[in-house]
């Protein structure tokens, strides 16, 4: 069983980041594969026709060849650097991956996967990184670009919750509910079902990455030179994927206006003005004006979290929604 041994300094240096390319690759494999990998049927039915023109590209076979049942090549999906990570950041990191490590990982997976001749031709080509990046950019535009703002909001809210638990009550509280196969025990994190040995974080901390399309599994980065990282299912992902974002009830929209009603519905968990604007496709100024009205009415409250100001429904707001 793989285990991360945590020291005192690791708590201070643990950080969160988002990985658009990780979710993209998991979604590609679900849309292109027969099993769906936990993506609801409604999403697959909507996305498969959009993705169909890309299925003849041999780069898709190459991406499949870089994944086994319980592992995948890291260079195509390197650990992210920050909360605001964009798909452009990820693809730039892919293009800049160390050539020696890229070749080592490609050789490893080609030796263990039943890849086609076309896939092998892609993976052994000198421009393999550029071809992968171009394909992923095209897949992003048809599969995730439209939905990413609301999915990103879900991930950012999870980070607010987890970072608060980590700073307030430590590792055990932060890991609670992260995944059934992750547990805090005797100064370390057990990753049940993952082979390996006890690994010291050595004061470097841990990178925690909420993900939409890894649900219901989790993933681990444990090999050098990458930072140690755990990718886990974001809170509330099943509800969002199966039911979509909350809608404003007609009676509430008639009372306070549809935009304010929708914002109030979204604030069951904390969110900033810019997060709400991205998720709802509204101007930041318009969201700010609506929040000001809701704040003066006492149905939302605000609090500072680092550099952000987060809004959340009050008990009066909860009663109004009900």
C-alpha atoms as a PDB file:
ATOM      1  CA  UNK A   1       0.000   0.000   0.000  1.00  0.00           C
ATOM      2  CA  UNK A   2       1.281   3.457  -0.908  1.00  0.00           C
ATOM      3  CA  UNK A   3       1.619   5.854   2.017  1.00  0.00           C
ATOM      4  CA  UNK A   4       2.618   9.526   2.230  1.00  0.00           C
ATOM      5  CA  UNK A   5       4.391  10.298   5.509  1.00  0.00           C
ATOM      6  CA  UNK A   6       3.607  13.846   6.612  1.00  0.00           C
ATOM      7  CA  UNK A   7       5.835  16.146   8.667  1.00  0.00           C
ATOM      8  CA  UNK A   8       5.088  19.424  10.437  1.00  0.00           C
ATOM      9  CA  UNK A   9       6.253  21.608   7.538  1.00  0.00           C
ATOM     10  CA  UNK A  10       4.133  19.691   5.044  1.00  0.00           C
ATOM     11  CA  UNK A  11       0.954  21.173   6.510  1.00  0.00           C
ATOM     12  CA  UNK A  12       2.252  24.687   5.803  1.00  0.00           C
ATOM     13  CA  UNK A  13       3.331  23.867   2.255  1.00  0.00           C
ATOM     14  CA  UNK A  14       0.353  21.823   1.130  1.00  0.00           C
ATOM     15  CA  UNK A  15      -1.516  23.592  -1.657  1.00  0.00           C
ATOM     16  CA  UNK A  16      -4.413  23.204  -4.043  1.00  0.00           C
ATOM     17  CA  UNK A  17      -4.534  23.535  -7.821  1.00  0.00           C
ATOM     18  CA  UNK A  18      -6.892  22.750 -10.697  1.00  0.00           C
ATOM     19  CA  UNK A  19      -5.998  20.610 -13.711  1.00  0.00           C
ATOM     20  CA  UNK A  20      -8.194  21.248 -16.759  1.00  0.00           C
ATOM     21  CA  UNK A  21      -6.175  18.796 -18.865  1.00  0.00           C
ATOM     22  CA  UNK A  22      -6.639  15.991 -16.321  1.00  0.00           C
ATOM     23  CA  UNK A  23     -10.410  16.326 -16.546  1.00  0.00           C
ATOM     24  CA  UNK A  24     -10.196  16.676 -20.317  1.00  0.00           C
ATOM     25  CA  UNK A  25      -8.257  13.445 -20.771  1.00  0.00           C
ATOM     26  CA  UNK A  26     -10.619  11.529 -18.488  1.00  0.00           C
ATOM     27  CA  UNK A  27     -13.586  12.902 -20.409  1.00  0.00           C
ATOM     28  CA  UNK A  28     -11.975  12.021 -23.762  1.00  0.00           C
ATOM     29  CA  UNK A  29     -11.458   8.438 -22.626  1.00  0.00           C
ATOM     30  CA  UNK A  30     -15.074   8.265 -21.434  1.00  0.00           C
ATOM     31  CA  UNK A  31     -16.567   9.727 -24.601  1.00  0.00           C
ATOM     32  CA  UNK A  32     -14.350   7.635 -26.892  1.00  0.00           C
ATOM     33  CA  UNK A  33     -14.665   4.412 -24.903  1.00  0.00           C
ATOM     34  CA  UNK A  34     -17.506   1.951 -24.426  1.00  0.00           C
ATOM     35  CA  UNK A  35     -17.736   2.119 -20.637  1.00  0.00           C
ATOM     36  CA  UNK A  36     -18.290   5.845 -19.980  1.00  0.00           C
ATOM     37  CA  UNK A  37     -15.993   5.903 -16.912  1.00  0.00           C
ATOM     38  CA  UNK A  38     -18.614   7.376 -14.588  1.00  0.00           C
ATOM     39  CA  UNK A  39     -19.823  10.109 -16.962  1.00  0.00           C
ATOM     40  CA  UNK A  40     -23.648  10.245 -17.000  1.00  0.00           C
ATOM     41  CA  UNK A  41     -25.421   8.961 -20.084  1.00  0.00           C
ATOM     42  CA  UNK A  42     -26.907  12.398 -20.761  1.00  0.00           C
ATOM     43  CA  UNK A  43     -23.415  13.919 -21.025  1.00  0.00           C
ATOM     44  CA  UNK A  44     -22.194  11.113 -23.275  1.00  0.00           C
ATOM     45  CA  UNK A  45     -25.219  11.469 -25.562  1.00  0.00           C
ATOM     46  CA  UNK A  46     -24.604  15.202 -25.879  1.00  0.00           C
ATOM     47  CA  UNK A  47     -20.825  15.078 -26.327  1.00  0.00           C
ATOM     48  CA  UNK A  48     -20.240  12.014 -28.515  1.00  0.00           C
ATOM     49  CA  UNK A  49     -21.646  13.580 -31.712  1.00  0.00           C
ATOM     50  CA  UNK A  50     -19.496  16.684 -31.125  1.00  0.00           C
ATOM     51  CA  UNK A  51     -16.401  14.552 -30.622  1.00  0.00           C
ATOM     52  CA  UNK A  52     -17.047  12.253 -33.596  1.00  0.00           C
ATOM     53  CA  UNK A  53     -14.950  14.261 -36.127  1.00  0.00           C
ATOM     54  CA  UNK A  54     -11.867  13.770 -33.924  1.00  0.00           C
ATOM     55  CA  UNK A  55     -12.181  10.000 -33.568  1.00  0.00           C
ATOM     56  CA  UNK A  56     -10.388   9.296 -36.872  1.00  0.00           C
ATOM     57  CA  UNK A  57      -7.254  11.118 -35.697  1.00  0.00           C
ATOM     58  CA  UNK A  58      -4.513   8.598 -34.763  1.00  0.00           C
ATOM     59  CA  UNK A  59      -3.546  10.879 -31.868  1.00  0.00           C
ATOM     60  CA  UNK A  60      -6.643   9.573 -30.068  1.00  0.00           C
ATOM     61  CA  UNK A  61      -5.231   6.026 -30.287  1.00  0.00           C
ATOM     62  CA  UNK A  62      -1.925   7.380 -28.984  1.00  0.00           C
ATOM     63  CA  UNK A  63      -3.660   8.863 -25.932  1.00  0.00           C
ATOM     64  CA  UNK A  64      -5.317   5.504 -25.238  1.00  0.00           C
ATOM     65  CA  UNK A  65      -1.919   3.796 -25.541  1.00  0.00           C
ATOM     66  CA  UNK A  66      -0.508   6.045 -22.821  1.00  0.00           C
ATOM     67  CA  UNK A  67      -2.964   4.679 -20.251  1.00  0.00           C
ATOM     68  CA  UNK A  68      -3.322   1.363 -18.475  1.00  0.00           C
ATOM     69  CA  UNK A  69      -6.092   0.335 -16.095  1.00  0.00           C
ATOM     70  CA  UNK A  70      -4.519   1.945 -13.028  1.00  0.00           C
ATOM     71  CA  UNK A  71      -1.909   4.321 -14.393  1.00  0.00           C
ATOM     72  CA  UNK A  72      -1.159   6.804 -17.140  1.00  0.00           C
ATOM     73  CA  UNK A  73       1.762   8.738 -18.553  1.00  0.00           C
ATOM     74  CA  UNK A  74       2.471  11.800 -16.430  1.00  0.00           C
ATOM     75  CA  UNK A  75       4.011  14.017 -19.106  1.00  0.00           C
ATOM     76  CA  UNK A  76       0.695  14.374 -20.926  1.00  0.00           C
ATOM     77  CA  UNK A  77      -0.974  15.499 -17.718  1.00  0.00           C
ATOM     78  CA  UNK A  78       1.669  17.086 -15.451  1.00  0.00           C
ATOM     79  CA  UNK A  79       0.649  18.259 -11.951  1.00  0.00           C
ATOM     80  CA  UNK A  80      -0.764  21.796 -12.163  1.00  0.00           C
ATOM     81  CA  UNK A  81       0.824  24.879 -10.603  1.00  0.00           C
ATOM     82  CA  UNK A  82      -2.063  26.991  -9.327  1.00  0.00           C
ATOM     83  CA  UNK A  83      -5.776  27.388  -8.692  1.00  0.00           C
ATOM     84  CA  UNK A  84      -6.129  29.535 -11.787  1.00  0.00           C
ATOM     85  CA  UNK A  85      -4.552  26.907 -14.038  1.00  0.00           C
ATOM     86  CA  UNK A  86      -5.911  27.128 -17.585  1.00  0.00           C
ATOM     87  CA  UNK A  87      -5.900  24.640 -20.427  1.00  0.00           C
ATOM     88  CA  UNK A  88      -3.342  26.908 -22.124  1.00  0.00           C
ATOM     89  CA  UNK A  89      -1.061  26.526 -19.080  1.00  0.00           C
ATOM     90  CA  UNK A  90      -1.438  22.759 -19.231  1.00  0.00           C
ATOM     91  CA  UNK A  91      -0.699  22.518 -22.942  1.00  0.00           C
ATOM     92  CA  UNK A  92       2.359  24.768 -22.566  1.00  0.00           C
ATOM     93  CA  UNK A  93       3.633  22.436 -19.827  1.00  0.00           C
ATOM     94  CA  UNK A  94       3.007  19.460 -22.108  1.00  0.00           C
ATOM     95  CA  UNK A  95       5.017  21.029 -24.921  1.00  0.00           C
ATOM     96  CA  UNK A  96       7.851  21.815 -22.479  1.00  0.00           C
ATOM     97  CA  UNK A  97       8.039  18.310 -20.944  1.00  0.00           C
ATOM     98  CA  UNK A  98      11.627  16.994 -20.557  1.00  0.00           C
ATOM     99  CA  UNK A  99      12.405  14.900 -23.679  1.00  0.00           C
ATOM    100  CA  UNK A 100      14.215  12.145 -21.771  1.00  0.00           C
ATOM    101  CA  UNK A 101      11.294  11.633 -19.399  1.00  0.00           C
ATOM    102  CA  UNK A 102       8.817  11.736 -22.274  1.00  0.00           C
ATOM    103  CA  UNK A 103      10.691   9.030 -24.144  1.00  0.00           C
ATOM    104  CA  UNK A 104      11.009   6.901 -21.000  1.00  0.00           C
ATOM    105  CA  UNK A 105       7.274   7.039 -20.310  1.00  0.00           C
ATOM    106  CA  UNK A 106       6.325   6.415 -23.949  1.00  0.00           C
ATOM    107  CA  UNK A 107       8.584   3.359 -24.090  1.00  0.00           C
ATOM    108  CA  UNK A 108       7.085   2.079 -20.818  1.00  0.00           C
ATOM    109  CA  UNK A 109       3.488   2.283 -22.044  1.00  0.00           C
ATOM    110  CA  UNK A 110       4.170   1.047 -25.565  1.00  0.00           C
ATOM    111  CA  UNK A 111       5.724  -2.068 -24.040  1.00  0.00           C
ATOM    112  CA  UNK A 112       2.587  -2.713 -21.970  1.00  0.00           C
ATOM    113  CA  UNK A 113      -0.324  -1.663 -24.188  1.00  0.00           C
ATOM    114  CA  UNK A 114      -1.775  -3.214 -27.328  1.00  0.00           C
ATOM    115  CA  UNK A 115      -1.446  -0.061 -29.420  1.00  0.00           C
ATOM    116  CA  UNK A 116      -2.064   0.245 -33.146  1.00  0.00           C
ATOM    117  CA  UNK A 117       0.644   0.945 -35.695  1.00  0.00           C
ATOM    118  CA  UNK A 118      -0.824   4.425 -36.176  1.00  0.00           C
ATOM    119  CA  UNK A 119      -0.596   5.156 -32.454  1.00  0.00           C
ATOM    120  CA  UNK A 120       3.013   3.978 -32.353  1.00  0.00           C
ATOM    121  CA  UNK A 121       3.816   6.198 -35.317  1.00  0.00           C
ATOM    122  CA  UNK A 122       2.457   9.214 -33.419  1.00  0.00           C
ATOM    123  CA  UNK A 123       4.278   8.370 -30.200  1.00  0.00           C
ATOM    124  CA  UNK A 124       7.623   7.797 -31.906  1.00  0.00           C
ATOM    125  CA  UNK A 125       7.419  10.928 -34.083  1.00  0.00           C
ATOM    126  CA  UNK A 126       9.772  13.828 -33.242  1.00  0.00           C
ATOM    127  CA  UNK A 127       6.810  16.224 -32.989  1.00  0.00           C
ATOM    128  CA  UNK A 128       4.751  13.992 -30.686  1.00  0.00           C
ATOM    129  CA  UNK A 129       4.295  16.701 -28.025  1.00  0.00           C
ATOM    130  CA  UNK A 130       2.989  19.245 -30.521  1.00  0.00           C
ATOM    131  CA  UNK A 131       0.601  16.720 -32.061  1.00  0.00           C
ATOM    132  CA  UNK A 132      -0.773  15.784 -28.646  1.00  0.00           C
ATOM    133  CA  UNK A 133      -1.195  19.441 -27.684  1.00  0.00           C
ATOM    134  CA  UNK A 134      -3.008  20.309 -30.932  1.00  0.00           C
ATOM    135  CA  UNK A 135      -5.404  17.381 -30.517  1.00  0.00           C
ATOM    136  CA  UNK A 136      -6.122  18.239 -26.866  1.00  0.00           C
ATOM    137  CA  UNK A 137      -6.806  21.872 -27.768  1.00  0.00           C
ATOM    138  CA  UNK A 138      -9.337  20.755 -30.373  1.00  0.00           C
ATOM    139  CA  UNK A 139     -10.945  18.294 -27.940  1.00  0.00           C
ATOM    140  CA  UNK A 140     -11.173  21.010 -25.295  1.00  0.00           C
ATOM    141  CA  UNK A 141     -13.081  23.307 -27.635  1.00  0.00           C
ATOM    142  CA  UNK A 142     -15.779  20.714 -28.353  1.00  0.00           C
ATOM    143  CA  UNK A 143     -15.967  18.840 -25.044  1.00  0.00           C
ATOM    144  CA  UNK A 144     -15.250  21.169 -22.134  1.00  0.00           C
ATOM    145  CA  UNK A 145     -14.853  24.832 -23.099  1.00  0.00           C
ATOM    146  CA  UNK A 146     -18.545  25.606 -22.677  1.00  0.00           C
ATOM    147  CA  UNK A 147     -19.041  23.693 -19.417  1.00  0.00           C
ATOM    148  CA  UNK A 148     -15.730  24.514 -17.741  1.00  0.00           C
ATOM    149  CA  UNK A 149     -16.832  27.765 -15.980  1.00  0.00           C
ATOM    150  CA  UNK A 150     -19.457  25.980 -13.872  1.00  0.00           C
ATOM    151  CA  UNK A 151     -17.205  22.955 -13.331  1.00  0.00           C
ATOM    152  CA  UNK A 152     -14.369  25.252 -12.273  1.00  0.00           C
ATOM    153  CA  UNK A 153     -16.702  26.957  -9.785  1.00  0.00           C
ATOM    154  CA  UNK A 154     -17.473  23.566  -8.259  1.00  0.00           C
ATOM    155  CA  UNK A 155     -13.741  22.833  -7.907  1.00  0.00           C
ATOM    156  CA  UNK A 156     -12.962  26.251  -6.454  1.00  0.00           C
ATOM    157  CA  UNK A 157     -15.694  25.850  -3.850  1.00  0.00           C
ATOM    158  CA  UNK A 158     -14.233  22.496  -2.885  1.00  0.00           C
ATOM    159  CA  UNK A 159     -10.830  24.148  -2.416  1.00  0.00           C
ATOM    160  CA  UNK A 160     -12.367  26.790  -0.123  1.00  0.00           C
ATOM    161  CA  UNK A 161     -13.925  24.039   1.978  1.00  0.00           C
ATOM    162  CA  UNK A 162     -10.854  21.768   2.127  1.00  0.00           C
ATOM    163  CA  UNK A 163      -8.320  24.529   2.769  1.00  0.00           C
ATOM    164  CA  UNK A 164     -10.499  25.814   5.586  1.00  0.00           C
ATOM    165  CA  UNK A 165     -10.643  22.370   7.147  1.00  0.00           C
ATOM    166  CA  UNK A 166      -6.893  21.904   6.743  1.00  0.00           C
ATOM    167  CA  UNK A 167      -6.036  25.176   8.453  1.00  0.00           C
ATOM    168  CA  UNK A 168      -8.735  24.823  11.121  1.00  0.00           C
ATOM    169  CA  UNK A 169      -8.414  21.205  12.176  1.00  0.00           C
ATOM    170  CA  UNK A 170      -5.500  19.606  10.300  1.00  0.00           C
ATOM    171  CA  UNK A 171      -5.065  16.677   7.963  1.00  0.00           C
ATOM    172  CA  UNK A 172      -7.719  14.360   9.339  1.00  0.00           C
ATOM    173  CA  UNK A 173     -10.469  16.951   8.875  1.00  0.00           C
ATOM    174  CA  UNK A 174      -9.257  17.943   5.399  1.00  0.00           C
ATOM    175  CA  UNK A 175      -9.123  14.317   4.224  1.00  0.00           C
ATOM    176  CA  UNK A 176     -12.497  13.432   5.711  1.00  0.00           C
ATOM    177  CA  UNK A 177     -14.788  12.528   2.849  1.00  0.00           C
ATOM    178  CA  UNK A 178     -12.068  13.070   0.241  1.00  0.00           C
ATOM    179  CA  UNK A 179     -12.361   9.462  -0.914  1.00  0.00           C
ATOM    180  CA  UNK A 180     -13.224   6.154   0.824  1.00  0.00           C
ATOM    181  CA  UNK A 181      -9.765   4.794  -0.070  1.00  0.00           C
ATOM    182  CA  UNK A 182      -7.858   7.717   1.459  1.00  0.00           C
ATOM    183  CA  UNK A 183      -7.351   7.860   5.204  1.00  0.00           C
ATOM    184  CA  UNK A 184      -5.258   9.672   7.777  1.00  0.00           C
ATOM    185  CA  UNK A 185      -3.404   7.298  10.119  1.00  0.00           C
ATOM    186  CA  UNK A 186      -0.482   7.799  12.520  1.00  0.00           C
ATOM    187  CA  UNK A 187       1.023  10.859  10.882  1.00  0.00           C
ATOM    188  CA  UNK A 188       0.520   9.790   7.294  1.00  0.00           C
ATOM    189  CA  UNK A 189      -1.935   9.297   4.453  1.00  0.00           C
ATOM    190  CA  UNK A 190      -2.782   5.746   3.409  1.00  0.00           C
ATOM    191  CA  UNK A 191      -3.749   5.334  -0.251  1.00  0.00           C
ATOM    192  CA  UNK A 192      -5.587   2.039  -0.199  1.00  0.00           C
ATOM    193  CA  UNK A 193      -5.382  -0.027  -3.359  1.00  0.00           C
ATOM    194  CA  UNK A 194      -2.264   1.736  -4.658  1.00  0.00           C
ATOM    195  CA  UNK A 195       0.957  -0.230  -4.742  1.00  0.00           C
ATOM    196  CA  UNK A 196       4.141   1.298  -3.381  1.00  0.00           C
ATOM    197  CA  UNK A 197       6.007   2.059  -0.213  1.00  0.00           C
ATOM    198  CA  UNK A 198       5.994   4.710   2.479  1.00  0.00           C
ATOM    199  CA  UNK A 199       7.128   7.988   0.892  1.00  0.00           C
ATOM    200  CA  UNK A 200       8.277  11.017   2.860  1.00  0.00           C
ATOM    201  CA  UNK A 201       6.943  14.380   1.757  1.00  0.00           C
ATOM    202  CA  UNK A 202      10.138  15.885   3.248  1.00  0.00           C
ATOM    203  CA  UNK A 203       8.659  19.286   3.934  1.00  0.00           C
ATOM    204  CA  UNK A 204       7.573  19.844   0.323  1.00  0.00           C
ATOM    205  CA  UNK A 205       3.914  19.464   1.205  1.00  0.00           C
ATOM    206  CA  UNK A 206       1.241  17.810  -0.904  1.00  0.00           C
ATOM    207  CA  UNK A 207      -0.587  19.020  -3.988  1.00  0.00           C
ATOM    208  CA  UNK A 208      -4.340  18.398  -3.766  1.00  0.00           C
ATOM    209  CA  UNK A 209      -6.289  18.567  -7.031  1.00  0.00           C
ATOM    210  CA  UNK A 210     -10.106  18.394  -7.133  1.00  0.00           C
ATOM    211  CA  UNK A 211     -11.373  16.777 -10.325  1.00  0.00           C
ATOM    212  CA  UNK A 212     -14.766  16.368 -11.942  1.00  0.00           C
ATOM    213  CA  UNK A 213     -14.280  13.405 -14.244  1.00  0.00           C
ATOM    214  CA  UNK A 214     -12.154  11.193 -12.032  1.00  0.00           C
ATOM    215  CA  UNK A 215     -15.276  10.397 -10.013  1.00  0.00           C
ATOM    216  CA  UNK A 216     -15.709   7.855  -8.456  1.00  0.00           C
ATOM    217  CA  UNK A 217     -11.962   6.977  -8.440  1.00  0.00           C
ATOM    218  CA  UNK A 218      -8.866   8.944  -7.376  1.00  0.00           C
ATOM    219  CA  UNK A 219      -5.351   9.332  -8.768  1.00  0.00           C
ATOM    220  CA  UNK A 220      -1.874   9.780  -7.324  1.00  0.00           C
ATOM    221  CA  UNK A 221       1.359  11.387  -8.524  1.00  0.00           C
ATOM    222  CA  UNK A 222       4.146   9.736  -6.546  1.00  0.00           C
ATOM    223  CA  UNK A 223       7.173   9.517  -8.882  1.00  0.00           C
ATOM    224  CA  UNK A 224      10.038  11.930  -9.338  1.00  0.00           C
ATOM    225  CA  UNK A 225      10.476  14.585 -10.617  1.00  0.00           C
ATOM    226  CA  UNK A 226       6.827  15.467 -10.187  1.00  0.00           C
ATOM    227  CA  UNK A 227       5.478  16.899  -6.915  1.00  0.00           C
ATOM    228  CA  UNK A 228       3.541  14.444  -4.775  1.00  0.00           C
ATOM    229  CA  UNK A 229      -0.136  14.936  -5.542  1.00  0.00           C
ATOM    230  CA  UNK A 230      -3.568  13.410  -4.982  1.00  0.00           C
ATOM    231  CA  UNK A 231      -6.363  13.991  -7.490  1.00  0.00           C
ATOM    232  CA  UNK A 232      -9.733  13.430  -5.851  1.00  0.00           C
ATOM    233  CA  UNK A 233     -13.437  13.710  -6.792  1.00  0.00           C
ATOM    234  CA  UNK A 234     -14.793  17.177  -6.139  1.00  0.00           C
ATOM    235  CA  UNK A 235     -17.673  17.546  -3.666  1.00  0.00           C
ATOM    236  CA  UNK A 236     -21.108  17.616  -5.260  1.00  0.00           C
ATOM    237  CA  UNK A 237     -19.923  16.350  -8.626  1.00  0.00           C
ATOM    238  CA  UNK A 238     -22.472  13.560  -8.940  1.00  0.00           C
ATOM    239  CA  UNK A 239     -25.366  15.960  -8.379  1.00  0.00           C
ATOM    240  CA  UNK A 240     -24.036  18.472 -10.903  1.00  0.00           C
ATOM    241  CA  UNK A 241     -23.347  15.905 -13.615  1.00  0.00           C
ATOM    242  CA  UNK A 242     -26.669  14.153 -13.220  1.00  0.00           C
ATOM    243  CA  UNK A 243     -28.952  17.115 -12.514  1.00  0.00           C
ATOM    244  CA  UNK A 244     -27.073  20.160 -13.828  1.00  0.00           C
ATOM    245  CA  UNK A 245     -26.594  23.484 -12.046  1.00  0.00           C
ATOM    246  CA  UNK A 246     -29.390  24.768  -9.808  1.00  0.00           C
ATOM    247  CA  UNK A 247     -32.227  26.633 -11.497  1.00  0.00           C
ATOM    248  CA  UNK A 248     -34.180  29.556 -10.102  1.00  0.00           C
ATOM    249  CA  UNK A 249     -37.681  28.477  -8.966  1.00  0.00           C
ATOM    250  CA  UNK A 250     -40.422  30.453 -10.676  1.00  0.00           C
ATOM    251  CA  UNK A 251     -41.903  31.810  -7.429  1.00  0.00           C
ATOM    252  CA  UNK A 252     -38.512  33.096  -6.287  1.00  0.00           C
ATOM    253  CA  UNK A 253     -37.697  34.615  -9.685  1.00  0.00           C
ATOM    254  CA  UNK A 254     -41.067  36.402  -9.697  1.00  0.00           C
ATOM    255  CA  UNK A 255     -40.321  37.869  -6.271  1.00  0.00           C
ATOM    256  CA  UNK A 256     -36.718  39.081  -6.629  1.00  0.00           C
ATOM    257  CA  UNK A 257     -35.879  38.677 -10.339  1.00  0.00           C
ATOM    258  CA  UNK A 258     -34.423  35.700 -12.168  1.00  0.00           C
ATOM    259  CA  UNK A 259     -30.762  36.736 -11.974  1.00  0.00           C
ATOM    260  CA  UNK A 260     -30.848  37.420  -8.234  1.00  0.00           C
ATOM    261  CA  UNK A 261     -32.809  34.222  -7.647  1.00  0.00           C
ATOM    262  CA  UNK A 262     -30.215  32.201  -9.565  1.00  0.00           C
ATOM    263  CA  UNK A 263     -27.341  33.828  -7.663  1.00  0.00           C
ATOM    264  CA  UNK A 264     -29.098  33.083  -4.379  1.00  0.00           C
ATOM    265  CA  UNK A 265     -29.590  29.461  -5.398  1.00  0.00           C
ATOM    266  CA  UNK A 266     -25.878  29.177  -6.261  1.00  0.00           C
ATOM    267  CA  UNK A 267     -24.791  30.495  -2.861  1.00  0.00           C
ATOM    268  CA  UNK A 268     -25.589  27.414  -0.829  1.00  0.00           C
ATOM    269  CA  UNK A 269     -21.768  27.181  -0.755  1.00  0.00           C
ATOM    270  CA  UNK A 270     -19.354  30.158  -0.738  1.00  0.00           C
ATOM    271  CA  UNK A 271     -18.390  31.809  -4.024  1.00  0.00           C
ATOM    272  CA  UNK A 272     -16.771  35.050  -5.125  1.00  0.00           C
ATOM    273  CA  UNK A 273     -18.203  37.628  -7.511  1.00  0.00           C
ATOM    274  CA  UNK A 274     -15.893  36.564 -10.339  1.00  0.00           C
ATOM    275  CA  UNK A 275     -16.632  32.869  -9.796  1.00  0.00           C
ATOM    276  CA  UNK A 276     -20.368  33.493 -10.030  1.00  0.00           C
ATOM    277  CA  UNK A 277     -19.903  35.655 -13.117  1.00  0.00           C
ATOM    278  CA  UNK A 278     -17.951  32.907 -14.918  1.00  0.00           C
ATOM    279  CA  UNK A 279     -20.396  30.188 -13.927  1.00  0.00           C
ATOM    280  CA  UNK A 280     -23.493  32.164 -14.912  1.00  0.00           C
ATOM    281  CA  UNK A 281     -22.081  33.909 -17.981  1.00  0.00           C
ATOM    282  CA  UNK A 282     -22.823  37.340 -16.504  1.00  0.00           C
ATOM    283  CA  UNK A 283     -20.757  40.523 -16.265  1.00  0.00           C
ATOM    284  CA  UNK A 284     -18.814  40.874 -13.011  1.00  0.00           C
ATOM    285  CA  UNK A 285     -20.333  44.311 -12.424  1.00  0.00           C
ATOM    286  CA  UNK A 286     -23.874  42.978 -12.825  1.00  0.00           C
ATOM    287  CA  UNK A 287     -23.228  40.150 -10.368  1.00  0.00           C
ATOM    288  CA  UNK A 288     -21.709  42.642  -7.924  1.00  0.00           C
ATOM    289  CA  UNK A 289     -24.812  44.847  -8.140  1.00  0.00           C
ATOM    290  CA  UNK A 290     -27.110  41.894  -7.480  1.00  0.00           C
ATOM    291  CA  UNK A 291     -24.961  40.763  -4.552  1.00  0.00           C
ATOM    292  CA  UNK A 292     -25.157  44.259  -3.074  1.00  0.00           C
ATOM    293  CA  UNK A 293     -28.948  44.107  -3.096  1.00  0.00           C
ATOM    294  CA  UNK A 294     -28.994  40.606  -1.601  1.00  0.00           C
ATOM    295  CA  UNK A 295     -26.452  41.659   1.030  1.00  0.00           C
ATOM    296  CA  UNK A 296     -28.510  44.674   2.131  1.00  0.00           C
ATOM    297  CA  UNK A 297     -31.579  42.435   2.342  1.00  0.00           C
ATOM    298  CA  UNK A 298     -29.729  40.142   4.740  1.00  0.00           C
ATOM    299  CA  UNK A 299     -30.143  37.014   2.597  1.00  0.00           C
ATOM    300  CA  UNK A 300     -26.398  36.683   1.883  1.00  0.00           C
ATOM    301  CA  UNK A 301     -23.296  37.497   3.901  1.00  0.00           C
ATOM    302  CA  UNK A 302     -19.678  38.015   2.922  1.00  0.00           C
ATOM    303  CA  UNK A 303     -16.321  37.153   4.455  1.00  0.00           C
ATOM    304  CA  UNK A 304     -12.741  37.501   3.285  1.00  0.00           C
ATOM    305  CA  UNK A 305     -10.774  34.342   2.453  1.00  0.00           C
ATOM    306  CA  UNK A 306      -7.200  35.233   1.533  1.00  0.00           C
ATOM    307  CA  UNK A 307      -7.387  37.694  -1.348  1.00  0.00           C
ATOM    308  CA  UNK A 308     -10.997  36.870  -2.188  1.00  0.00           C
ATOM    309  CA  UNK A 309     -14.306  38.018  -0.775  1.00  0.00           C
ATOM    310  CA  UNK A 310     -16.731  35.101  -0.612  1.00  0.00           C
ATOM    311  CA  UNK A 311     -20.504  35.321  -0.398  1.00  0.00           C
ATOM    312  CA  UNK A 312     -22.847  32.737   1.065  1.00  0.00           C
ATOM    313  CA  UNK A 313     -26.541  32.491   1.907  1.00  0.00           C
ATOM    314  CA  UNK A 314     -27.595  33.377   5.430  1.00  0.00           C
ATOM    315  CA  UNK A 315     -30.277  31.499   7.350  1.00  0.00           C
ATOM    316  CA  UNK A 316     -32.703  34.146   6.099  1.00  0.00           C
ATOM    317  CA  UNK A 317     -31.576  33.388   2.556  1.00  0.00           C
ATOM    318  CA  UNK A 318     -32.076  29.666   3.129  1.00  0.00           C
ATOM    319  CA  UNK A 319     -35.604  30.355   4.410  1.00  0.00           C
ATOM    320  CA  UNK A 320     -36.366  32.531   1.374  1.00  0.00           C
ATOM    321  CA  UNK A 321     -35.213  29.784  -1.011  1.00  0.00           C
ATOM    322  CA  UNK A 322     -37.372  27.241   0.799  1.00  0.00           C
END
